[in-house]
Structures are given as C-alpha cells and as structure tokens.
C-alpha cells in the first residue's frame, strides 16, 4: 500500500525492479505523471556506482518540460558508498526533482545518505522459502537451477531470496554454520563477478 501522497523530495524503498515498476504504475494510475512524460525517468540497474550516480545527478539538473518537477525512479541491487556520496548534494538540494530509489538493503546505506531521504515501508514482498527449507539438498539444488534459469534473475533477486531465508532461519534457532553461509553469500554477492548460482548452491547444502 503506497502513501496517499509523496510530499518529500526523496524516498528510499526496500525492493528491486518489481517494486519500482509497481510504483511507476501507481504514479501513472493516480495521474501524478503521464507514462510518456519527458519529465519521467525510470531506470533499473544491478549495481549503482559512480557512473550511474553521475548520470542521475546530471539528469536532475534538467528543467522539467511539462510538469512542475522531474520524477526519478531507480532500482539497484546494491549502491556503492562513492555513488551515495556523489548524490548527497543532489538529494539535499533538489532543483525541481523528486526521487524514488529502491535497494534491497537500505540499512547498509550511509547514515549521511539516509538522513536526506524518507523511508517507504513495506514495499518489498518476501518470497516464501518454507518449501526450500523443508526440501532435501537435491531438491534445493533443483529449485535453485530453476530459479536462476529465469532471464530476469540477477543478484538483486538473489539478495531478496537470501534475506527471506535469513529471516526464516532466525525463527528456527539454526546452527551457526547455516546463518554464516547465508551471511557470507549476501556479502560475496555484491562483489564484481560473483555467481549467484554458485553462492545459492553453497547455501542450499549448508542450511
């Protein structure tokens, strides 16, 4: 459920591409902005680095053509510290822009960056991992093979799955090795060249 209005200039939501697209549809349905408006920018990236942050910063300097403000929606699986620092001034002193940024782990953003935004709560629906946890190791590996075979699957989707798995495990008093496997997979997943499939398969054998 989205708020009835968005008065702040910048928001952070938990989620990825799916949540960003739902917000896009909501803004269009509520006639906040037209789908084809030149003042409406939507972007989805696996990782937001300095290059992506500079592009967003530069676009935010454009004067809106049809509306009283530009609206930016971006989803990013991860966001580097350098990218956040690049956008600090933009998020602190927006010209004529409103920002909606979706990341999978907002709590890992820099405090200085988070202080410039408001949080959108409850925007990301966690997958049901009960079937995965109750399955045999062989069945888990089959589930992962099917999961990563989806063309839309990437590191952001893997992080959503691992977050849900971590939450479910925490309720079961798991072995320390199981929680460590999930924690390590989440950490390595954000590194360049990491294989979501290999990391998830490792987790499947240890939880």
N, C-alpha and C. Protein backbone atom coordinates (compact mmCIF):
# COMPACT_ATOMS: atom_id res chain seq x y z
N UNK A 1 0.85 -1.19 0.00
CA UNK A 1 0.00 0.00 0.00
C UNK A 1 0.89 1.24 0.00
N UNK A 2 0.75 2.05 -1.05
CA UNK A 2 1.54 3.26 -1.13
C UNK A 2 0.88 4.39 -0.33
N UNK A 3 1.66 5.36 0.12
CA UNK A 3 1.07 6.53 0.78
C UNK A 3 0.12 7.25 -0.17
N UNK A 4 -0.79 8.03 0.40
CA UNK A 4 -1.75 8.75 -0.43
C UNK A 4 -1.08 9.89 -1.19
N UNK A 5 0.04 10.38 -0.68
CA UNK A 5 0.76 11.44 -1.38
C UNK A 5 2.24 11.33 -1.02
N UNK A 6 3.06 11.90 -1.87
CA UNK A 6 4.51 11.89 -1.67
C UNK A 6 4.97 13.35 -1.61
N UNK A 7 5.12 13.87 -0.42
CA UNK A 7 5.46 15.28 -0.25
C UNK A 7 6.96 15.52 -0.16
N UNK A 8 7.70 14.49 0.25
CA UNK A 8 9.14 14.67 0.41
C UNK A 8 9.83 14.63 -0.94
N UNK A 9 11.03 15.16 -1.02
CA UNK A 9 11.74 15.21 -2.31
C UNK A 9 12.48 13.92 -2.63
N UNK A 10 12.70 13.03 -1.62
CA UNK A 10 13.46 11.82 -1.89
C UNK A 10 13.02 10.69 -0.95
N UNK A 11 12.84 9.50 -1.53
CA UNK A 11 12.39 8.34 -0.78
C UNK A 11 13.29 7.14 -1.09
N UNK A 12 13.45 6.28 -0.08
CA UNK A 12 14.14 5.01 -0.25
C UNK A 12 13.17 3.89 0.11
N UNK A 13 13.03 2.92 -0.78
CA UNK A 13 12.16 1.77 -0.51
C UNK A 13 12.97 0.49 -0.56
N UNK A 14 12.53 -0.52 0.19
CA UNK A 14 13.17 -1.82 0.16
C UNK A 14 12.61 -2.61 -1.02
N UNK A 15 13.48 -3.07 -1.90
CA UNK A 15 13.00 -3.83 -3.05
C UNK A 15 13.90 -3.69 -4.24
N UNK A 16 13.36 -4.09 -5.39
CA UNK A 16 14.12 -4.04 -6.62
C UNK A 16 13.25 -3.60 -7.77
N UNK A 17 13.47 -4.21 -8.93
CA UNK A 17 12.77 -3.81 -10.15
C UNK A 17 11.26 -3.94 -10.01
N UNK A 18 10.78 -5.04 -9.41
CA UNK A 18 9.34 -5.27 -9.31
C UNK A 18 8.66 -4.16 -8.51
N UNK A 19 9.26 -3.77 -7.39
CA UNK A 19 8.68 -2.72 -6.56
C UNK A 19 8.73 -1.37 -7.28
N UNK A 20 9.82 -1.12 -7.97
CA UNK A 20 9.94 0.13 -8.72
C UNK A 20 8.89 0.22 -9.82
N UNK A 21 8.64 -0.89 -10.49
CA UNK A 21 7.64 -0.90 -11.56
C UNK A 21 6.23 -0.72 -11.00
N UNK A 22 5.99 -1.28 -9.81
CA UNK A 22 4.67 -1.10 -9.19
C UNK A 22 4.45 0.36 -8.83
N UNK A 23 5.48 1.01 -8.35
CA UNK A 23 5.36 2.44 -8.05
C UNK A 23 5.13 3.24 -9.33
N UNK A 24 5.84 2.88 -10.38
CA UNK A 24 5.66 3.56 -11.67
C UNK A 24 4.20 3.48 -12.11
N UNK A 25 3.61 2.29 -12.05
CA UNK A 25 2.23 2.12 -12.44
C UNK A 25 1.29 2.91 -11.53
N UNK A 26 1.62 2.95 -10.24
CA UNK A 26 0.79 3.69 -9.28
C UNK A 26 0.78 5.18 -9.62
N UNK A 27 1.94 5.74 -9.90
CA UNK A 27 2.01 7.17 -10.21
C UNK A 27 1.25 7.50 -11.49
N UNK A 28 1.29 6.58 -12.44
CA UNK A 28 0.56 6.79 -13.69
C UNK A 28 -0.95 6.68 -13.46
N UNK A 29 -1.36 5.65 -12.72
CA UNK A 29 -2.79 5.44 -12.46
C UNK A 29 -3.39 6.60 -11.67
N UNK A 30 -2.60 7.14 -10.73
CA UNK A 30 -3.07 8.26 -9.92
C UNK A 30 -2.91 9.60 -10.63
N UNK A 31 -2.46 9.53 -11.88
CA UNK A 31 -2.29 10.73 -12.71
C UNK A 31 -1.33 11.74 -12.09
N UNK A 32 -0.36 11.22 -11.34
CA UNK A 32 0.70 12.08 -10.83
C UNK A 32 1.56 12.55 -11.99
N UNK A 33 1.75 11.67 -12.94
CA UNK A 33 2.54 11.99 -14.13
C UNK A 33 2.14 11.04 -15.25
N UNK A 34 2.28 11.47 -16.49
CA UNK A 34 1.94 10.63 -17.63
C UNK A 34 3.10 9.69 -17.95
N UNK A 35 2.74 8.50 -18.45
CA UNK A 35 3.75 7.48 -18.73
C UNK A 35 4.81 7.96 -19.71
N UNK A 36 4.40 8.72 -20.70
CA UNK A 36 5.34 9.16 -21.73
C UNK A 36 5.89 10.57 -21.48
N UNK A 37 5.71 11.07 -20.29
CA UNK A 37 6.19 12.42 -19.98
C UNK A 37 7.71 12.50 -20.11
N UNK A 38 8.23 13.56 -20.70
CA UNK A 38 9.69 13.73 -20.77
C UNK A 38 10.31 14.05 -19.41
N UNK A 39 9.45 14.26 -18.42
CA UNK A 39 9.93 14.56 -17.07
C UNK A 39 9.93 13.33 -16.17
N UNK A 40 9.70 12.15 -16.75
CA UNK A 40 9.57 10.91 -16.00
C UNK A 40 10.72 9.99 -16.40
N UNK A 41 11.58 9.67 -15.44
CA UNK A 41 12.76 8.84 -15.72
C UNK A 41 12.72 7.59 -14.84
N UNK A 42 12.80 6.42 -15.46
CA UNK A 42 12.79 5.14 -14.74
C UNK A 42 14.01 4.33 -15.18
N UNK A 43 14.76 3.82 -14.23
CA UNK A 43 15.96 3.06 -14.57
C UNK A 43 16.13 1.91 -13.59
N UNK A 44 16.63 0.77 -14.11
CA UNK A 44 16.88 -0.41 -13.28
C UNK A 44 18.32 -0.87 -13.53
N UNK A 45 19.10 -0.97 -12.48
CA UNK A 45 20.49 -1.41 -12.61
C UNK A 45 20.78 -2.45 -11.53
N UNK A 46 21.70 -3.35 -11.84
CA UNK A 46 22.10 -4.34 -10.84
C UNK A 46 22.89 -3.67 -9.72
N UNK A 47 23.75 -2.74 -10.10
CA UNK A 47 24.57 -2.03 -9.12
C UNK A 47 24.68 -0.57 -9.51
N UNK A 48 24.45 0.31 -8.56
CA UNK A 48 24.57 1.74 -8.80
C UNK A 48 25.95 2.20 -8.33
N UNK A 49 26.79 2.53 -9.29
CA UNK A 49 28.13 3.03 -8.98
C UNK A 49 28.22 4.51 -9.29
N UNK A 50 29.42 5.01 -9.36
CA UNK A 50 29.63 6.44 -9.61
C UNK A 50 29.08 6.85 -10.97
N UNK A 51 29.26 5.99 -11.97
CA UNK A 51 28.77 6.32 -13.32
C UNK A 51 27.27 6.52 -13.33
N UNK A 52 26.54 5.59 -12.72
CA UNK A 52 25.07 5.69 -12.67
C UNK A 52 24.64 6.89 -11.81
N UNK A 53 25.36 7.12 -10.71
CA UNK A 53 25.01 8.24 -9.84
C UNK A 53 25.21 9.58 -10.54
N UNK A 54 26.29 9.70 -11.29
CA UNK A 54 26.54 10.95 -12.02
C UNK A 54 25.48 11.18 -13.10
N UNK A 55 25.06 10.09 -13.76
CA UNK A 55 24.03 10.23 -14.78
C UNK A 55 22.73 10.72 -14.15
N UNK A 56 22.37 10.16 -12.97
CA UNK A 56 21.17 10.60 -12.27
C UNK A 56 21.30 12.05 -11.82
N UNK A 57 22.45 12.40 -11.30
CA UNK A 57 22.70 13.78 -10.86
C UNK A 57 22.56 14.77 -12.01
N UNK A 58 23.14 14.42 -13.15
CA UNK A 58 23.10 15.33 -14.30
C UNK A 58 21.68 15.47 -14.85
N UNK A 59 20.93 14.38 -14.87
CA UNK A 59 19.54 14.45 -15.34
C UNK A 59 18.69 15.31 -14.41
N UNK A 60 19.02 15.26 -13.12
CA UNK A 60 18.24 16.03 -12.15
C UNK A 60 18.42 17.54 -12.33
N UNK A 61 19.45 17.93 -13.06
CA UNK A 61 19.68 19.35 -13.32
C UNK A 61 18.81 19.88 -14.45
N UNK A 62 18.18 18.95 -15.20
CA UNK A 62 17.33 19.36 -16.32
C UNK A 62 16.05 20.01 -15.80
N UNK A 63 15.64 21.08 -16.43
CA UNK A 63 14.39 21.74 -16.03
C UNK A 63 13.22 20.94 -16.59
N UNK A 64 12.18 20.66 -15.78
CA UNK A 64 11.03 19.91 -16.29
C UNK A 64 10.36 20.63 -17.45
N UNK A 65 9.88 19.85 -18.41
CA UNK A 65 9.30 20.42 -19.62
C UNK A 65 7.78 20.53 -19.56
N UNK A 66 7.12 19.57 -18.88
CA UNK A 66 5.65 19.55 -18.86
C UNK A 66 5.07 19.68 -17.47
N UNK A 67 5.84 19.37 -16.46
CA UNK A 67 5.33 19.33 -15.09
C UNK A 67 6.11 20.31 -14.21
N UNK A 68 5.70 20.37 -12.95
CA UNK A 68 6.42 21.26 -12.04
C UNK A 68 7.68 20.62 -11.48
N UNK A 69 7.89 19.33 -11.79
CA UNK A 69 9.09 18.65 -11.31
C UNK A 69 9.38 17.43 -12.17
N UNK A 70 10.63 17.02 -12.18
CA UNK A 70 11.03 15.73 -12.74
C UNK A 70 10.80 14.66 -11.69
N UNK A 71 10.45 13.46 -12.12
CA UNK A 71 10.30 12.33 -11.20
C UNK A 71 11.24 11.22 -11.65
N UNK A 72 12.06 10.77 -10.71
CA UNK A 72 13.05 9.74 -10.99
C UNK A 72 12.74 8.49 -10.14
N UNK A 73 12.68 7.34 -10.79
CA UNK A 73 12.55 6.06 -10.10
C UNK A 73 13.74 5.20 -10.51
N UNK A 74 14.48 4.71 -9.54
CA UNK A 74 15.61 3.82 -9.84
C UNK A 74 15.60 2.64 -8.89
N UNK A 75 15.86 1.46 -9.42
CA UNK A 75 16.09 0.29 -8.57
C UNK A 75 17.52 -0.17 -8.78
N UNK A 76 18.15 -0.56 -7.69
CA UNK A 76 19.54 -1.02 -7.75
C UNK A 76 19.75 -2.09 -6.69
N UNK A 77 20.31 -3.21 -7.10
CA UNK A 77 20.57 -4.27 -6.13
C UNK A 77 21.50 -3.79 -5.03
N UNK A 78 22.54 -3.07 -5.42
CA UNK A 78 23.48 -2.50 -4.47
C UNK A 78 23.80 -1.07 -4.88
N UNK A 79 24.33 -0.31 -3.94
CA UNK A 79 24.69 1.08 -4.21
C UNK A 79 25.99 1.38 -3.47
N UNK A 80 27.03 1.70 -4.23
CA UNK A 80 28.34 1.91 -3.61
C UNK A 80 28.37 3.17 -2.77
N UNK A 81 29.32 3.21 -1.85
CA UNK A 81 29.49 4.39 -1.00
C UNK A 81 29.85 5.61 -1.84
N UNK A 82 30.67 5.42 -2.87
CA UNK A 82 31.04 6.54 -3.74
C UNK A 82 29.81 7.08 -4.48
N UNK A 83 28.91 6.19 -4.91
CA UNK A 83 27.69 6.63 -5.58
C UNK A 83 26.83 7.46 -4.64
N UNK A 84 26.72 7.01 -3.39
CA UNK A 84 25.92 7.75 -2.42
C UNK A 84 26.51 9.13 -2.16
N UNK A 85 27.83 9.19 -2.04
CA UNK A 85 28.47 10.49 -1.81
C UNK A 85 28.30 11.41 -3.00
N UNK A 86 28.28 10.83 -4.20
CA UNK A 86 28.08 11.63 -5.41
C UNK A 86 26.71 12.30 -5.40
N UNK A 87 25.73 11.64 -4.80
CA UNK A 87 24.35 12.13 -4.83
C UNK A 87 23.95 12.93 -3.59
N UNK A 88 24.85 13.09 -2.64
CA UNK A 88 24.49 13.76 -1.40
C UNK A 88 23.94 15.17 -1.65
N UNK A 89 24.65 15.96 -2.41
CA UNK A 89 24.21 17.33 -2.63
C UNK A 89 22.91 17.36 -3.44
N UNK A 90 22.79 16.45 -4.41
CA UNK A 90 21.57 16.38 -5.23
C UNK A 90 20.36 16.06 -4.38
N UNK A 91 20.51 15.12 -3.44
CA UNK A 91 19.39 14.73 -2.59
C UNK A 91 19.12 15.75 -1.49
N UNK A 92 20.13 16.54 -1.17
CA UNK A 92 19.95 17.55 -0.13
C UNK A 92 19.32 18.82 -0.69
N UNK A 93 19.69 19.18 -1.90
CA UNK A 93 19.19 20.40 -2.51
C UNK A 93 18.62 20.11 -3.90
N UNK A 94 17.49 19.39 -3.97
CA UNK A 94 16.93 19.06 -5.28
C UNK A 94 16.46 20.32 -6.01
N UNK A 95 16.77 20.42 -7.29
CA UNK A 95 16.35 21.58 -8.07
C UNK A 95 14.84 21.54 -8.27
N UNK A 96 14.39 20.76 -9.20
CA UNK A 96 12.95 20.58 -9.43
C UNK A 96 12.71 19.10 -9.67
N UNK A 97 13.09 18.28 -8.69
CA UNK A 97 13.05 16.83 -8.88
C UNK A 97 12.55 16.11 -7.63
N UNK A 98 12.01 14.93 -7.87
CA UNK A 98 11.60 14.04 -6.78
C UNK A 98 12.18 12.66 -7.09
N UNK A 99 12.76 12.02 -6.08
CA UNK A 99 13.48 10.77 -6.29
C UNK A 99 12.85 9.62 -5.51
N UNK A 100 12.79 8.45 -6.15
CA UNK A 100 12.37 7.21 -5.51
C UNK A 100 13.43 6.17 -5.83
N UNK A 101 14.15 5.74 -4.81
CA UNK A 101 15.23 4.77 -5.01
C UNK A 101 14.90 3.49 -4.25
N UNK A 102 14.96 2.35 -4.96
CA UNK A 102 14.71 1.05 -4.34
C UNK A 102 16.00 0.25 -4.28
N UNK A 103 16.36 -0.16 -3.07
CA UNK A 103 17.52 -1.03 -2.88
C UNK A 103 17.10 -2.16 -1.95
N UNK A 104 17.86 -3.24 -1.99
CA UNK A 104 17.45 -4.42 -1.23
C UNK A 104 17.82 -4.34 0.25
N UNK A 105 18.83 -3.57 0.56
CA UNK A 105 19.27 -3.47 1.95
C UNK A 105 19.52 -2.01 2.32
N UNK A 106 18.45 -1.25 2.53
CA UNK A 106 18.60 0.18 2.86
C UNK A 106 19.41 0.42 4.12
N UNK A 107 19.40 -0.55 5.04
CA UNK A 107 20.13 -0.37 6.30
C UNK A 107 21.64 -0.31 6.08
N UNK A 108 22.10 -0.72 4.90
CA UNK A 108 23.53 -0.68 4.61
C UNK A 108 23.95 0.63 3.94
N UNK A 109 23.00 1.49 3.68
CA UNK A 109 23.34 2.79 3.10
C UNK A 109 24.01 3.67 4.15
N UNK A 110 24.79 4.62 3.69
CA UNK A 110 25.50 5.52 4.61
C UNK A 110 24.50 6.34 5.43
N UNK A 111 24.76 6.53 6.71
CA UNK A 111 23.86 7.36 7.54
C UNK A 111 23.67 8.76 6.96
N UNK A 112 24.73 9.34 6.39
CA UNK A 112 24.61 10.67 5.81
C UNK A 112 23.66 10.67 4.61
N UNK A 113 23.63 9.57 3.89
CA UNK A 113 22.74 9.46 2.73
C UNK A 113 21.30 9.22 3.19
N UNK A 114 21.12 8.32 4.15
CA UNK A 114 19.78 8.01 4.66
C UNK A 114 19.13 9.24 5.31
N UNK A 115 19.95 10.13 5.87
CA UNK A 115 19.40 11.31 6.55
C UNK A 115 18.72 12.27 5.58
N UNK A 116 18.97 12.11 4.30
CA UNK A 116 18.41 13.02 3.31
C UNK A 116 17.15 12.48 2.65
N UNK A 117 16.71 11.30 3.07
CA UNK A 117 15.55 10.68 2.43
C UNK A 117 14.53 10.23 3.48
N UNK A 118 13.35 9.91 3.02
CA UNK A 118 12.35 9.27 3.87
C UNK A 118 12.19 7.82 3.41
N UNK A 119 11.84 6.95 4.35
CA UNK A 119 11.71 5.54 4.04
C UNK A 119 10.29 5.21 3.58
N UNK A 120 10.20 4.37 2.57
CA UNK A 120 8.92 3.78 2.16
C UNK A 120 8.86 2.40 2.79
N UNK A 121 7.97 2.20 3.73
CA UNK A 121 7.91 0.94 4.47
C UNK A 121 7.03 -0.09 3.76
N UNK A 122 7.43 -1.36 3.93
CA UNK A 122 6.60 -2.46 3.42
C UNK A 122 6.45 -2.51 1.93
N UNK A 123 7.49 -2.13 1.19
CA UNK A 123 7.37 -2.10 -0.26
C UNK A 123 7.81 -3.39 -0.93
N UNK A 124 8.50 -4.25 -0.23
CA UNK A 124 9.05 -5.46 -0.84
C UNK A 124 8.42 -6.71 -0.24
N UNK A 125 7.83 -7.54 -1.06
CA UNK A 125 7.21 -8.78 -0.61
C UNK A 125 8.25 -9.90 -0.59
N UNK A 126 8.46 -10.48 0.57
CA UNK A 126 9.46 -11.54 0.70
C UNK A 126 8.92 -12.84 0.13
N UNK A 127 9.75 -13.60 -0.60
CA UNK A 127 9.30 -14.89 -1.13
C UNK A 127 9.11 -15.90 -0.01
N UNK A 128 8.27 -16.89 -0.25
CA UNK A 128 8.04 -17.96 0.71
C UNK A 128 9.15 -19.00 0.54
N UNK A 129 9.99 -19.15 1.56
CA UNK A 129 11.12 -20.08 1.46
C UNK A 129 10.90 -21.33 2.29
N UNK A 130 9.69 -21.52 2.82
CA UNK A 130 9.43 -22.69 3.67
C UNK A 130 9.63 -23.99 2.90
N UNK A 131 9.19 -24.01 1.64
CA UNK A 131 9.36 -25.21 0.83
C UNK A 131 10.82 -25.52 0.57
N UNK A 132 11.61 -24.49 0.40
CA UNK A 132 13.05 -24.67 0.19
C UNK A 132 13.71 -25.28 1.42
N UNK A 133 13.36 -24.76 2.59
CA UNK A 133 13.98 -25.25 3.82
C UNK A 133 13.57 -26.68 4.17
N UNK A 134 12.36 -27.05 3.80
CA UNK A 134 11.88 -28.41 4.12
C UNK A 134 12.30 -29.44 3.08
N UNK A 135 12.86 -28.99 1.96
CA UNK A 135 13.25 -29.90 0.88
C UNK A 135 14.59 -30.56 1.18
N UNK A 136 14.86 -31.65 0.47
CA UNK A 136 16.16 -32.29 0.58
C UNK A 136 17.20 -31.44 -0.13
N UNK A 137 18.46 -31.75 0.08
CA UNK A 137 19.51 -30.97 -0.56
C UNK A 137 19.44 -31.08 -2.09
N UNK A 138 19.11 -32.26 -2.57
CA UNK A 138 18.97 -32.45 -4.01
C UNK A 138 17.82 -31.61 -4.56
N UNK A 139 16.72 -31.60 -3.85
CA UNK A 139 15.57 -30.81 -4.27
C UNK A 139 15.88 -29.32 -4.23
N UNK A 140 16.64 -28.90 -3.23
CA UNK A 140 17.02 -27.48 -3.14
C UNK A 140 17.86 -27.07 -4.35
N UNK A 141 18.80 -27.93 -4.71
CA UNK A 141 19.65 -27.62 -5.87
C UNK A 141 18.82 -27.53 -7.15
N UNK A 142 17.80 -28.39 -7.26
CA UNK A 142 16.90 -28.33 -8.42
C UNK A 142 16.12 -27.02 -8.43
N UNK A 143 15.67 -26.59 -7.24
CA UNK A 143 14.93 -25.33 -7.14
C UNK A 143 15.80 -24.15 -7.55
N UNK A 144 17.05 -24.17 -7.14
CA UNK A 144 17.96 -23.09 -7.49
C UNK A 144 18.23 -23.07 -8.99
N UNK A 145 18.41 -24.26 -9.56
CA UNK A 145 18.63 -24.34 -11.01
C UNK A 145 17.47 -23.73 -11.77
N UNK A 146 16.25 -24.02 -11.34
CA UNK A 146 15.07 -23.46 -11.98
C UNK A 146 14.98 -21.95 -11.74
N UNK A 147 15.33 -21.53 -10.54
CA UNK A 147 15.24 -20.12 -10.17
C UNK A 147 16.18 -19.27 -11.02
N UNK A 148 17.44 -19.67 -11.11
CA UNK A 148 18.42 -18.85 -11.82
C UNK A 148 18.28 -18.96 -13.33
N UNK A 149 17.47 -19.91 -13.79
CA UNK A 149 17.24 -20.04 -15.22
C UNK A 149 16.31 -18.97 -15.76
N UNK A 150 15.64 -18.25 -14.86
CA UNK A 150 14.75 -17.16 -15.27
C UNK A 150 15.60 -16.01 -15.81
N UNK A 151 15.25 -15.51 -16.98
CA UNK A 151 16.01 -14.43 -17.61
C UNK A 151 16.08 -13.18 -16.74
N UNK A 152 15.05 -12.98 -15.91
CA UNK A 152 15.01 -11.78 -15.08
C UNK A 152 15.80 -11.93 -13.78
N UNK A 153 16.35 -13.14 -13.54
CA UNK A 153 17.03 -13.38 -12.27
C UNK A 153 18.43 -12.77 -12.29
N UNK A 154 18.74 -12.06 -11.22
CA UNK A 154 20.06 -11.45 -11.09
C UNK A 154 20.45 -11.37 -9.63
N UNK A 155 21.48 -10.61 -9.34
CA UNK A 155 21.95 -10.51 -7.96
C UNK A 155 20.91 -9.89 -7.04
N UNK A 156 20.10 -8.95 -7.57
CA UNK A 156 19.07 -8.35 -6.71
C UNK A 156 18.03 -9.37 -6.30
N UNK A 157 17.61 -10.25 -7.24
CA UNK A 157 16.65 -11.29 -6.90
C UNK A 157 17.25 -12.30 -5.92
N UNK A 158 18.54 -12.57 -6.09
CA UNK A 158 19.22 -13.49 -5.18
C UNK A 158 19.26 -12.91 -3.77
N UNK A 159 19.48 -11.60 -3.65
CA UNK A 159 19.50 -10.97 -2.34
C UNK A 159 18.14 -10.99 -1.67
N UNK A 160 17.08 -10.81 -2.46
CA UNK A 160 15.72 -10.90 -1.92
C UNK A 160 15.50 -12.29 -1.33
N UNK A 161 15.92 -13.32 -2.07
CA UNK A 161 15.77 -14.70 -1.61
C UNK A 161 16.58 -14.94 -0.34
N UNK A 162 17.82 -14.48 -0.32
CA UNK A 162 18.68 -14.70 0.84
C UNK A 162 18.18 -13.96 2.07
N UNK A 163 17.63 -12.77 1.87
CA UNK A 163 17.06 -12.02 3.00
C UNK A 163 15.89 -12.79 3.62
N UNK A 164 15.03 -13.34 2.74
CA UNK A 164 13.88 -14.12 3.23
C UNK A 164 14.37 -15.38 3.94
N UNK A 165 15.40 -15.99 3.40
CA UNK A 165 15.96 -17.21 4.00
C UNK A 165 16.55 -16.90 5.38
N UNK A 166 17.25 -15.78 5.49
CA UNK A 166 17.84 -15.38 6.75
C UNK A 166 16.76 -15.15 7.82
N UNK A 167 15.68 -14.49 7.43
CA UNK A 167 14.58 -14.22 8.36
C UNK A 167 13.93 -15.52 8.83
N UNK A 168 13.70 -16.44 7.88
CA UNK A 168 13.06 -17.72 8.22
C UNK A 168 13.97 -18.56 9.12
N UNK A 169 15.24 -18.57 8.83
CA UNK A 169 16.18 -19.36 9.65
C UNK A 169 16.27 -18.82 11.07
N UNK A 170 16.23 -17.51 11.21
CA UNK A 170 16.37 -16.89 12.52
C UNK A 170 15.26 -17.32 13.47
N UNK A 171 14.13 -17.74 12.92
CA UNK A 171 13.00 -18.19 13.75
C UNK A 171 13.12 -19.65 14.17
N UNK A 172 14.12 -20.35 13.62
CA UNK A 172 14.24 -21.79 13.86
C UNK A 172 15.43 -22.17 14.75
N UNK A 173 16.12 -21.20 15.32
CA UNK A 173 17.33 -21.46 16.10
C UNK A 173 18.29 -22.34 15.31
N UNK A 174 18.74 -21.87 14.16
CA UNK A 174 19.57 -22.69 13.27
C UNK A 174 21.00 -22.85 13.79
N UNK A 175 21.71 -23.78 13.19
CA UNK A 175 23.13 -23.93 13.51
C UNK A 175 23.87 -22.68 13.05
N UNK A 176 24.89 -22.26 13.79
CA UNK A 176 25.65 -21.07 13.39
C UNK A 176 26.19 -21.16 11.96
N UNK A 177 26.54 -22.36 11.53
CA UNK A 177 27.08 -22.53 10.18
C UNK A 177 26.06 -22.17 9.11
N UNK A 178 24.77 -22.41 9.39
CA UNK A 178 23.73 -22.09 8.42
C UNK A 178 23.59 -20.58 8.26
N UNK A 179 23.54 -19.87 9.37
CA UNK A 179 23.43 -18.41 9.30
C UNK A 179 24.68 -17.79 8.69
N UNK A 180 25.82 -18.39 8.99
CA UNK A 180 27.07 -17.88 8.43
C UNK A 180 27.09 -18.05 6.91
N UNK A 181 26.55 -19.17 6.43
CA UNK A 181 26.51 -19.42 4.99
C UNK A 181 25.67 -18.37 4.28
N UNK A 182 24.54 -18.02 4.86
CA UNK A 182 23.67 -17.00 4.27
C UNK A 182 24.34 -15.64 4.32
N UNK A 183 24.94 -15.32 5.46
CA UNK A 183 25.63 -14.03 5.61
C UNK A 183 26.76 -13.89 4.59
N UNK A 184 27.56 -14.94 4.45
CA UNK A 184 28.69 -14.88 3.51
C UNK A 184 28.19 -14.75 2.08
N UNK A 185 27.12 -15.47 1.74
CA UNK A 185 26.57 -15.40 0.38
C UNK A 185 26.10 -13.99 0.07
N UNK A 186 25.42 -13.34 1.02
CA UNK A 186 24.96 -11.96 0.81
C UNK A 186 26.14 -11.02 0.63
N UNK A 187 27.21 -11.25 1.37
CA UNK A 187 28.38 -10.37 1.28
C UNK A 187 29.11 -10.56 -0.04
N UNK A 188 29.32 -11.80 -0.45
CA UNK A 188 30.05 -12.06 -1.69
C UNK A 188 29.23 -11.71 -2.92
N UNK A 189 27.91 -11.74 -2.78
CA UNK A 189 27.05 -11.50 -3.93
C UNK A 189 27.22 -10.09 -4.49
N UNK A 190 27.61 -9.16 -3.65
CA UNK A 190 27.76 -7.77 -4.09
C UNK A 190 29.10 -7.51 -4.76
N UNK A 191 29.98 -8.51 -4.79
CA UNK A 191 31.29 -8.32 -5.39
C UNK A 191 31.24 -8.57 -6.90
N UNK A 192 32.07 -7.86 -7.62
CA UNK A 192 32.13 -7.98 -9.07
C UNK A 192 32.46 -9.41 -9.49
N UNK A 193 31.68 -9.93 -10.43
CA UNK A 193 31.93 -11.27 -10.96
C UNK A 193 31.37 -12.40 -10.13
N UNK A 194 30.67 -12.08 -9.05
CA UNK A 194 30.10 -13.14 -8.20
C UNK A 194 29.03 -13.91 -8.94
N UNK A 195 28.98 -15.22 -8.72
CA UNK A 195 27.98 -16.08 -9.35
C UNK A 195 26.86 -16.36 -8.36
N UNK A 196 25.67 -15.85 -8.66
CA UNK A 196 24.52 -16.08 -7.78
C UNK A 196 24.22 -17.57 -7.67
N UNK A 197 24.35 -18.29 -8.75
CA UNK A 197 24.04 -19.72 -8.76
C UNK A 197 24.97 -20.49 -7.82
N UNK A 198 26.26 -20.24 -7.92
CA UNK A 198 27.22 -20.96 -7.06
C UNK A 198 27.00 -20.61 -5.59
N UNK A 199 26.77 -19.36 -5.30
CA UNK A 199 26.57 -18.94 -3.92
C UNK A 199 25.30 -19.55 -3.34
N UNK A 200 24.21 -19.57 -4.12
CA UNK A 200 22.96 -20.15 -3.64
C UNK A 200 23.07 -21.65 -3.47
N UNK A 201 23.81 -22.29 -4.36
CA UNK A 201 24.00 -23.75 -4.23
C UNK A 201 24.79 -24.06 -2.96
N UNK A 202 25.77 -23.23 -2.64
CA UNK A 202 26.53 -23.42 -1.40
C UNK A 202 25.61 -23.30 -0.18
N UNK A 203 24.76 -22.29 -0.21
CA UNK A 203 23.81 -22.10 0.88
C UNK A 203 22.87 -23.31 0.99
N UNK A 204 22.41 -23.82 -0.14
CA UNK A 204 21.47 -24.94 -0.15
C UNK A 204 22.02 -26.16 0.54
N UNK A 205 23.31 -26.35 0.49
CA UNK A 205 23.95 -27.52 1.08
C UNK A 205 24.22 -27.35 2.57
N UNK A 206 24.14 -26.12 3.08
CA UNK A 206 24.53 -25.86 4.46
C UNK A 206 23.37 -25.48 5.39
N UNK A 207 22.27 -24.99 4.85
CA UNK A 207 21.18 -24.58 5.75
C UNK A 207 20.33 -25.77 6.15
